Amino acid sequence: MHALTLRLSPGCDLRAALDDAFQSRGLSAAFVLQGIGSLSVARIRYAGRDDIAALQGDLEILTLAGSLSAQGPHLHMSISDADGRVIGGHVAPGCIVRTTVELVVAHLPEERYTREPDAITGFAELVIQAG
């Protein structure tokens, strides 16, 4: 395992920045170990729902984790609003950094991650292969 530390600047799209870091470094498998920071826009899909909730304001990322593969990120996070209310779910495109986001990403060079259709769940699920 090799750890990468990333810092995202204001205006960055969280998912796009992680995908770009994965692709530009030519990684085969990675996992977001943790992320903290702030967002001005959070787009989250809640458990069991198809629609995406768009939240705006001063938002803090409390936790962020997920896998990175050639097919894109699969991320979950919890955030709090300016009143301290906490909410979380699946991270959708369009989460915009407000001041900064700090991330620790583990590159797993001995593995290769892909996402492939799963007949049981009906979703594209993580497939782990030896690198």
N, C-alpha and C. Protein backbone atom coordinates (compact mmCIF):
# COMPACT_ATOMS: atom_id res chain seq x y z
N MET A 1 0.85 -1.18 0.00
CA MET A 1 0.00 0.00 0.00
C MET A 1 0.89 1.24 0.00
N HIS A 2 0.48 2.22 -0.77
CA HIS A 2 1.17 3.50 -0.81
C HIS A 2 0.13 4.59 -0.57
N ALA A 3 0.39 5.44 0.40
CA ALA A 3 -0.58 6.49 0.74
C ALA A 3 -0.29 7.76 -0.06
N LEU A 4 -1.38 8.37 -0.55
CA LEU A 4 -1.32 9.67 -1.22
C LEU A 4 -2.13 10.64 -0.39
N THR A 5 -1.62 11.83 -0.21
CA THR A 5 -2.37 12.88 0.45
C THR A 5 -2.72 13.93 -0.59
N LEU A 6 -3.97 14.31 -0.64
CA LEU A 6 -4.44 15.29 -1.62
C LEU A 6 -5.13 16.43 -0.90
N ARG A 7 -4.99 17.61 -1.46
CA ARG A 7 -5.73 18.77 -0.96
C ARG A 7 -6.46 19.40 -2.14
N LEU A 8 -7.77 19.52 -2.02
CA LEU A 8 -8.59 20.11 -3.07
C LEU A 8 -8.88 21.57 -2.74
N SER A 9 -8.91 22.39 -3.76
CA SER A 9 -9.11 23.83 -3.61
C SER A 9 -10.56 24.23 -3.83
N PRO A 10 -10.91 25.45 -3.43
CA PRO A 10 -12.27 25.94 -3.62
C PRO A 10 -12.72 25.82 -5.08
N GLY A 11 -13.97 25.38 -5.26
CA GLY A 11 -14.55 25.25 -6.59
C GLY A 11 -14.37 23.90 -7.23
N CYS A 12 -13.49 23.04 -6.69
CA CYS A 12 -13.27 21.71 -7.25
C CYS A 12 -14.50 20.83 -7.03
N ASP A 13 -14.76 19.97 -7.99
CA ASP A 13 -15.78 18.93 -7.84
C ASP A 13 -15.09 17.74 -7.18
N LEU A 14 -15.55 17.36 -6.01
CA LEU A 14 -14.92 16.32 -5.21
C LEU A 14 -14.72 15.01 -5.98
N ARG A 15 -15.79 14.48 -6.57
CA ARG A 15 -15.70 13.21 -7.31
C ARG A 15 -14.79 13.32 -8.51
N ALA A 16 -14.93 14.40 -9.27
CA ALA A 16 -14.11 14.58 -10.48
C ALA A 16 -12.64 14.70 -10.12
N ALA A 17 -12.33 15.40 -9.03
CA ALA A 17 -10.93 15.56 -8.61
C ALA A 17 -10.33 14.22 -8.20
N LEU A 18 -11.09 13.40 -7.48
CA LEU A 18 -10.59 12.08 -7.10
C LEU A 18 -10.41 11.18 -8.32
N ASP A 19 -11.35 11.22 -9.23
CA ASP A 19 -11.24 10.44 -10.45
C ASP A 19 -10.03 10.89 -11.27
N ASP A 20 -9.82 12.20 -11.37
CA ASP A 20 -8.67 12.72 -12.10
C ASP A 20 -7.36 12.29 -11.45
N ALA A 21 -7.28 12.34 -10.13
CA ALA A 21 -6.06 11.91 -9.42
C ALA A 21 -5.79 10.43 -9.69
N PHE A 22 -6.82 9.60 -9.69
CA PHE A 22 -6.69 8.18 -9.96
C PHE A 22 -6.20 7.95 -11.39
N GLN A 23 -6.86 8.58 -12.35
CA GLN A 23 -6.53 8.38 -13.77
C GLN A 23 -5.16 8.95 -14.12
N SER A 24 -4.87 10.18 -13.67
CA SER A 24 -3.61 10.83 -14.06
C SER A 24 -2.38 10.15 -13.49
N ARG A 25 -2.54 9.43 -12.38
CA ARG A 25 -1.42 8.71 -11.78
C ARG A 25 -1.33 7.28 -12.30
N GLY A 26 -2.28 6.87 -13.14
CA GLY A 26 -2.26 5.52 -13.70
C GLY A 26 -2.44 4.43 -12.65
N LEU A 27 -3.28 4.71 -11.64
CA LEU A 27 -3.48 3.74 -10.57
C LEU A 27 -4.38 2.59 -11.04
N SER A 28 -4.24 1.45 -10.39
CA SER A 28 -5.06 0.28 -10.73
C SER A 28 -6.14 0.02 -9.68
N ALA A 29 -5.88 0.42 -8.45
CA ALA A 29 -6.85 0.24 -7.36
C ALA A 29 -6.49 1.21 -6.25
N ALA A 30 -7.49 1.87 -5.70
CA ALA A 30 -7.24 2.80 -4.59
C ALA A 30 -8.48 2.88 -3.72
N PHE A 31 -8.26 3.33 -2.49
CA PHE A 31 -9.34 3.47 -1.54
C PHE A 31 -9.17 4.77 -0.78
N VAL A 32 -10.24 5.56 -0.70
CA VAL A 32 -10.20 6.78 0.10
C VAL A 32 -10.34 6.34 1.55
N LEU A 33 -9.28 6.57 2.33
CA LEU A 33 -9.29 6.18 3.74
C LEU A 33 -10.05 7.18 4.59
N GLN A 34 -9.91 8.48 4.24
CA GLN A 34 -10.59 9.52 5.01
C GLN A 34 -10.52 10.83 4.24
N GLY A 35 -11.51 11.64 4.46
CA GLY A 35 -11.53 12.98 3.91
C GLY A 35 -12.26 13.90 4.86
N ILE A 36 -11.73 15.11 5.00
CA ILE A 36 -12.39 16.15 5.78
C ILE A 36 -12.30 17.45 5.01
N GLY A 37 -13.14 18.39 5.33
CA GLY A 37 -13.11 19.68 4.66
C GLY A 37 -14.49 20.27 4.58
N SER A 38 -14.64 21.20 3.64
CA SER A 38 -15.93 21.88 3.53
C SER A 38 -16.43 21.89 2.10
N LEU A 39 -17.75 21.93 1.99
CA LEU A 39 -18.43 21.99 0.69
C LEU A 39 -19.40 23.16 0.70
N SER A 40 -19.63 23.71 -0.49
CA SER A 40 -20.70 24.70 -0.65
C SER A 40 -21.94 24.03 -1.23
N VAL A 41 -21.73 22.94 -1.94
CA VAL A 41 -22.81 22.13 -2.50
C VAL A 41 -22.48 20.67 -2.24
N ALA A 42 -23.44 19.94 -1.73
CA ALA A 42 -23.31 18.49 -1.56
C ALA A 42 -24.46 17.84 -2.31
N ARG A 43 -24.13 16.86 -3.14
CA ARG A 43 -25.14 16.09 -3.86
C ARG A 43 -25.00 14.65 -3.37
N ILE A 44 -26.07 14.19 -2.69
CA ILE A 44 -26.04 12.89 -2.03
C ILE A 44 -27.26 12.07 -2.42
N ARG A 45 -27.02 10.78 -2.66
CA ARG A 45 -28.12 9.84 -2.88
C ARG A 45 -28.28 9.04 -1.60
N TYR A 46 -29.47 9.10 -1.03
CA TYR A 46 -29.74 8.39 0.22
C TYR A 46 -30.01 6.91 -0.05
N ALA A 47 -29.84 6.09 0.96
CA ALA A 47 -30.03 4.65 0.86
C ALA A 47 -31.40 4.29 0.29
N GLY A 48 -31.41 3.40 -0.70
CA GLY A 48 -32.65 2.90 -1.26
C GLY A 48 -33.40 3.86 -2.16
N ARG A 49 -32.79 5.00 -2.49
CA ARG A 49 -33.46 5.99 -3.32
C ARG A 49 -32.71 6.18 -4.62
N ASP A 50 -33.43 6.58 -5.66
CA ASP A 50 -32.81 6.85 -6.96
C ASP A 50 -32.50 8.32 -7.17
N ASP A 51 -33.26 9.20 -6.50
CA ASP A 51 -33.07 10.64 -6.69
C ASP A 51 -31.89 11.13 -5.86
N ILE A 52 -31.36 12.27 -6.27
CA ILE A 52 -30.21 12.87 -5.60
C ILE A 52 -30.65 14.14 -4.90
N ALA A 53 -30.30 14.25 -3.62
CA ALA A 53 -30.59 15.46 -2.85
C ALA A 53 -29.45 16.44 -3.04
N ALA A 54 -29.79 17.70 -3.30
CA ALA A 54 -28.79 18.76 -3.45
C ALA A 54 -28.89 19.68 -2.23
N LEU A 55 -27.82 19.76 -1.47
CA LEU A 55 -27.77 20.60 -0.29
C LEU A 55 -26.80 21.74 -0.56
N GLN A 56 -27.15 22.95 -0.12
CA GLN A 56 -26.28 24.10 -0.33
C GLN A 56 -26.07 24.84 0.98
N GLY A 57 -24.93 25.50 1.10
CA GLY A 57 -24.63 26.26 2.30
C GLY A 57 -23.24 25.94 2.79
N ASP A 58 -23.00 26.27 4.05
CA ASP A 58 -21.72 25.97 4.68
C ASP A 58 -21.80 24.57 5.24
N LEU A 59 -21.18 23.63 4.56
CA LEU A 59 -21.25 22.21 4.90
C LEU A 59 -19.87 21.68 5.25
N GLU A 60 -19.79 20.85 6.27
CA GLU A 60 -18.52 20.24 6.67
C GLU A 60 -18.56 18.75 6.40
N ILE A 61 -17.51 18.23 5.76
CA ILE A 61 -17.36 16.79 5.59
C ILE A 61 -16.83 16.22 6.90
N LEU A 62 -17.58 15.31 7.49
CA LEU A 62 -17.17 14.66 8.73
C LEU A 62 -16.43 13.36 8.44
N THR A 63 -16.93 12.61 7.47
CA THR A 63 -16.28 11.38 7.04
C THR A 63 -16.44 11.25 5.53
N LEU A 64 -15.47 10.64 4.91
CA LEU A 64 -15.52 10.35 3.48
C LEU A 64 -14.68 9.12 3.24
N ALA A 65 -15.24 8.12 2.58
CA ALA A 65 -14.52 6.90 2.28
C ALA A 65 -15.08 6.29 1.01
N GLY A 66 -14.29 5.44 0.37
CA GLY A 66 -14.80 4.74 -0.81
C GLY A 66 -13.69 4.20 -1.67
N SER A 67 -14.08 3.50 -2.72
CA SER A 67 -13.13 2.88 -3.64
C SER A 67 -13.02 3.71 -4.91
N LEU A 68 -11.82 3.63 -5.53
CA LEU A 68 -11.55 4.30 -6.80
C LEU A 68 -11.13 3.23 -7.80
N SER A 69 -11.79 3.23 -8.95
CA SER A 69 -11.47 2.25 -10.00
C SER A 69 -11.48 2.96 -11.34
N ALA A 70 -11.11 2.23 -12.38
CA ALA A 70 -11.10 2.80 -13.73
C ALA A 70 -12.50 3.25 -14.16
N GLN A 71 -13.54 2.67 -13.56
CA GLN A 71 -14.92 3.04 -13.90
C GLN A 71 -15.42 4.22 -13.08
N GLY A 72 -14.58 4.76 -12.20
CA GLY A 72 -14.97 5.93 -11.43
C GLY A 72 -15.05 5.65 -9.94
N PRO A 73 -15.22 6.71 -9.15
CA PRO A 73 -15.27 6.57 -7.69
C PRO A 73 -16.61 6.01 -7.21
N HIS A 74 -16.55 5.31 -6.09
CA HIS A 74 -17.74 4.90 -5.34
C HIS A 74 -17.50 5.39 -3.92
N LEU A 75 -18.16 6.49 -3.55
CA LEU A 75 -17.88 7.19 -2.31
C LEU A 75 -19.12 7.35 -1.45
N HIS A 76 -18.92 7.31 -0.14
CA HIS A 76 -19.96 7.62 0.83
C HIS A 76 -19.40 8.66 1.78
N MET A 77 -20.25 9.59 2.24
CA MET A 77 -19.79 10.58 3.20
C MET A 77 -20.90 10.98 4.16
N SER A 78 -20.46 11.51 5.29
CA SER A 78 -21.38 12.18 6.20
C SER A 78 -20.95 13.63 6.27
N ILE A 79 -21.94 14.52 6.31
CA ILE A 79 -21.68 15.95 6.37
C ILE A 79 -22.57 16.58 7.44
N SER A 80 -22.15 17.75 7.89
CA SER A 80 -23.00 18.51 8.81
C SER A 80 -23.25 19.89 8.21
N ASP A 81 -24.41 20.44 8.53
CA ASP A 81 -24.73 21.79 8.05
C ASP A 81 -24.33 22.81 9.12
N ALA A 82 -24.63 24.07 8.87
CA ALA A 82 -24.23 25.15 9.77
C ALA A 82 -24.92 25.07 11.13
N ASP A 83 -25.98 24.27 11.23
CA ASP A 83 -26.66 24.07 12.51
C ASP A 83 -26.25 22.77 13.19
N GLY A 84 -25.28 22.05 12.61
CA GLY A 84 -24.79 20.82 13.21
C GLY A 84 -25.58 19.57 12.88
N ARG A 85 -26.60 19.70 12.03
CA ARG A 85 -27.36 18.51 11.62
C ARG A 85 -26.48 17.65 10.71
N VAL A 86 -26.50 16.35 10.93
CA VAL A 86 -25.65 15.42 10.19
C VAL A 86 -26.52 14.58 9.26
N ILE A 87 -26.00 14.39 8.05
CA ILE A 87 -26.69 13.57 7.05
C ILE A 87 -25.61 12.90 6.21
N GLY A 88 -25.95 11.82 5.59
CA GLY A 88 -24.95 11.13 4.78
C GLY A 88 -25.56 10.24 3.74
N GLY A 89 -24.70 9.73 2.87
CA GLY A 89 -25.13 8.83 1.81
C GLY A 89 -24.08 8.70 0.74
N HIS A 90 -24.53 8.28 -0.43
CA HIS A 90 -23.68 8.05 -1.59
C HIS A 90 -23.34 9.38 -2.25
N VAL A 91 -22.06 9.65 -2.50
CA VAL A 91 -21.61 10.91 -3.08
C VAL A 91 -21.88 10.92 -4.58
N ALA A 92 -22.65 11.90 -5.04
CA ALA A 92 -22.96 12.07 -6.45
C ALA A 92 -22.07 13.17 -7.04
N PRO A 93 -21.94 13.22 -8.37
CA PRO A 93 -21.18 14.31 -8.98
C PRO A 93 -21.80 15.66 -8.61
N GLY A 94 -20.94 16.67 -8.51
CA GLY A 94 -21.42 18.01 -8.24
C GLY A 94 -21.24 18.47 -6.81
N CYS A 95 -20.46 17.73 -6.00
CA CYS A 95 -20.12 18.18 -4.65
C CYS A 95 -18.97 19.17 -4.80
N ILE A 96 -19.20 20.42 -4.45
CA ILE A 96 -18.24 21.49 -4.73
C ILE A 96 -17.54 21.93 -3.44
N VAL A 97 -16.21 21.96 -3.51
CA VAL A 97 -15.38 22.35 -2.36
C VAL A 97 -15.60 23.83 -2.06
N ARG A 98 -15.82 24.14 -0.77
CA ARG A 98 -16.00 25.52 -0.34
C ARG A 98 -14.66 26.16 0.00
N THR A 99 -13.93 25.63 0.98
CA THR A 99 -12.62 26.19 1.33
C THR A 99 -11.49 25.22 1.02
N THR A 100 -11.62 24.00 1.47
CA THR A 100 -10.59 22.98 1.21
C THR A 100 -11.16 21.61 1.53
N VAL A 101 -10.59 20.59 0.92
CA VAL A 101 -10.85 19.20 1.31
C VAL A 101 -9.49 18.51 1.37
N GLU A 102 -9.24 17.82 2.47
CA GLU A 102 -8.00 17.08 2.68
C GLU A 102 -8.33 15.60 2.65
N LEU A 103 -7.56 14.84 1.86
CA LEU A 103 -7.86 13.43 1.64
C LEU A 103 -6.62 12.57 1.84
N VAL A 104 -6.83 11.38 2.35
CA VAL A 104 -5.78 10.36 2.36
C VAL A 104 -6.31 9.20 1.53
N VAL A 105 -5.55 8.87 0.49
CA VAL A 105 -5.94 7.82 -0.44
C VAL A 105 -4.88 6.72 -0.41
N ALA A 106 -5.30 5.49 -0.29
CA ALA A 106 -4.39 4.35 -0.31
C ALA A 106 -4.37 3.76 -1.72
N HIS A 107 -3.19 3.76 -2.34
CA HIS A 107 -3.01 3.09 -3.63
C HIS A 107 -2.61 1.65 -3.34
N LEU A 108 -3.30 0.71 -3.96
CA LEU A 108 -3.06 -0.72 -3.75
C LEU A 108 -2.50 -1.31 -5.04
N PRO A 109 -1.18 -1.19 -5.27
CA PRO A 109 -0.59 -1.58 -6.56
C PRO A 109 -0.66 -3.08 -6.86
N GLU A 110 -0.89 -3.90 -5.85
CA GLU A 110 -0.97 -5.35 -6.06
C GLU A 110 -2.37 -5.80 -6.49
N GLU A 111 -3.30 -4.84 -6.58
CA GLU A 111 -4.68 -5.17 -6.94
C GLU A 111 -5.15 -4.32 -8.11
N ARG A 112 -6.22 -4.79 -8.71
CA ARG A 112 -6.89 -4.05 -9.79
C ARG A 112 -8.37 -4.06 -9.48
N TYR A 113 -8.97 -2.87 -9.42
CA TYR A 113 -10.41 -2.76 -9.18
C TYR A 113 -11.13 -2.47 -10.48
N THR A 114 -12.25 -3.15 -10.68
CA THR A 114 -13.17 -2.81 -11.76
C THR A 114 -14.58 -2.86 -11.17
N ARG A 115 -15.52 -2.33 -11.90
CA ARG A 115 -16.93 -2.41 -11.51
C ARG A 115 -17.66 -3.12 -12.64
N GLU A 116 -18.34 -4.19 -12.27
CA GLU A 116 -19.04 -5.00 -13.26
C GLU A 116 -20.46 -5.28 -12.79
N PRO A 117 -21.39 -5.45 -13.74
CA PRO A 117 -22.78 -5.74 -13.36
C PRO A 117 -22.86 -7.00 -12.48
N ASP A 118 -23.68 -6.90 -11.45
CA ASP A 118 -23.88 -8.01 -10.52
C ASP A 118 -25.33 -8.46 -10.65
N ALA A 119 -25.54 -9.72 -10.99
CA ALA A 119 -26.89 -10.25 -11.19
C ALA A 119 -27.72 -10.24 -9.91
N ILE A 120 -27.08 -10.33 -8.78
CA ILE A 120 -27.81 -10.39 -7.51
C ILE A 120 -28.30 -9.00 -7.09
N THR A 121 -27.40 -8.00 -7.15
CA THR A 121 -27.78 -6.66 -6.67
C THR A 121 -28.40 -5.80 -7.76
N GLY A 122 -28.07 -6.10 -9.02
CA GLY A 122 -28.56 -5.28 -10.12
C GLY A 122 -27.71 -4.03 -10.35
N PHE A 123 -26.62 -3.87 -9.61
CA PHE A 123 -25.75 -2.71 -9.74
C PHE A 123 -24.37 -3.14 -10.25
N ALA A 124 -23.60 -2.18 -10.72
CA ALA A 124 -22.20 -2.44 -11.05
C ALA A 124 -21.46 -2.47 -9.72
N GLU A 125 -20.92 -3.63 -9.37
CA GLU A 125 -20.28 -3.83 -8.08
C GLU A 125 -18.77 -4.01 -8.24
N LEU A 126 -18.05 -3.80 -7.15
CA LEU A 126 -16.60 -3.90 -7.14
C LEU A 126 -16.14 -5.32 -7.39
N VAL A 127 -15.19 -5.46 -8.31
CA VAL A 127 -14.53 -6.74 -8.57
C VAL A 127 -13.05 -6.50 -8.28
N ILE A 128 -12.48 -7.35 -7.44
CA ILE A 128 -11.10 -7.20 -7.01
C ILE A 128 -10.28 -8.31 -7.66
N GLN A 129 -9.21 -7.91 -8.36
CA GLN A 129 -8.35 -8.85 -9.03
C GLN A 129 -6.91 -8.62 -8.60
N ALA A 130 -6.10 -9.66 -8.66
CA ALA A 130 -4.67 -9.51 -8.39
C ALA A 130 -4.07 -8.67 -9.52
N GLY A 131 -3.22 -7.71 -9.13
CA GLY A 131 -2.64 -6.77 -10.09
C GLY A 131 -1.55 -7.41 -10.88
